[in-house]
């Protein structure tokens, strides 16, 4: 696994933790929730493309 993929996976996990924390708060900020979900999805898509491209090279 490349260091780039590893960093993406780490960031995805960080965003997941932030999202869980944000949703657990009493005063939920819907804008922050949407932003975190979009960032998390963006990283998931990048990882998917990265892994898909690596599978074709093997």
Protein backbone atom coordinates (compact mmCIF):
# COMPACT_ATOMS: atom_id res chain seq x y z
CA UNK A 1 0.00 0.00 0.00
CA UNK A 2 1.33 3.41 -0.90
CA UNK A 3 1.88 6.13 1.67
CA UNK A 4 -0.74 8.22 -0.16
CA UNK A 5 -3.35 5.48 0.27
CA UNK A 6 -2.38 5.09 3.90
CA UNK A 7 -2.78 8.83 4.51
CA UNK A 8 -6.17 8.77 2.81
CA UNK A 9 -7.28 5.89 5.02
CA UNK A 10 -6.08 7.72 8.13
CA UNK A 11 -7.94 10.88 7.10
CA UNK A 12 -11.08 8.85 6.40
CA UNK A 13 -10.92 7.41 9.91
CA UNK A 14 -10.35 10.87 11.40
CA UNK A 15 -13.37 12.24 9.56
CA UNK A 16 -15.45 9.29 10.73
CA UNK A 17 -14.49 10.03 14.35
CA UNK A 18 -15.25 13.75 13.90
CA UNK A 19 -18.59 12.90 12.34
CA UNK A 20 -19.57 10.60 15.21
CA UNK A 21 -18.52 13.26 17.71
CA UNK A 22 -20.43 16.01 15.90
CA UNK A 23 -23.59 13.90 15.72
CA UNK A 24 -23.38 13.05 19.43
CA UNK A 25 -23.44 16.69 20.51
CA UNK A 26 -26.63 18.24 21.82
CA UNK A 27 -26.48 21.18 19.43
CA UNK A 28 -25.87 19.43 16.12
CA UNK A 29 -24.51 21.71 13.40
CA UNK A 30 -26.11 20.39 10.19
CA UNK A 31 -23.69 22.33 8.00
CA UNK A 32 -20.70 20.70 9.68
CA UNK A 33 -22.31 17.25 9.40
CA UNK A 34 -22.85 17.71 5.66
CA UNK A 35 -19.31 19.00 5.17
CA UNK A 36 -17.79 16.06 7.05
CA UNK A 37 -19.91 13.55 5.12
CA UNK A 38 -18.90 15.10 1.78
CA UNK A 39 -15.21 15.05 2.71
CA UNK A 40 -15.47 11.46 3.87
CA UNK A 41 -17.17 10.43 0.62
CA UNK A 42 -14.57 12.29 -1.44
CA UNK A 43 -11.77 10.41 0.28
CA UNK A 44 -13.62 7.11 -0.11
CA UNK A 45 -13.96 7.78 -3.85
CA UNK A 46 -10.24 8.62 -4.14
CA UNK A 47 -9.31 5.42 -2.33
CA UNK A 48 -11.61 3.42 -4.56
CA UNK A 49 -10.10 4.90 -7.72
CA UNK A 50 -6.61 4.34 -6.36
CA UNK A 51 -7.31 0.69 -5.52
CA UNK A 52 -9.16 0.12 -8.78
CA UNK A 53 -6.21 1.51 -10.74
CA UNK A 54 -3.76 -0.65 -8.78
CA UNK A 55 -5.82 -3.76 -9.55
CA UNK A 56 -5.54 -3.10 -13.28
CA UNK A 57 -1.77 -2.73 -13.09
CA UNK A 58 -1.23 -6.14 -11.48
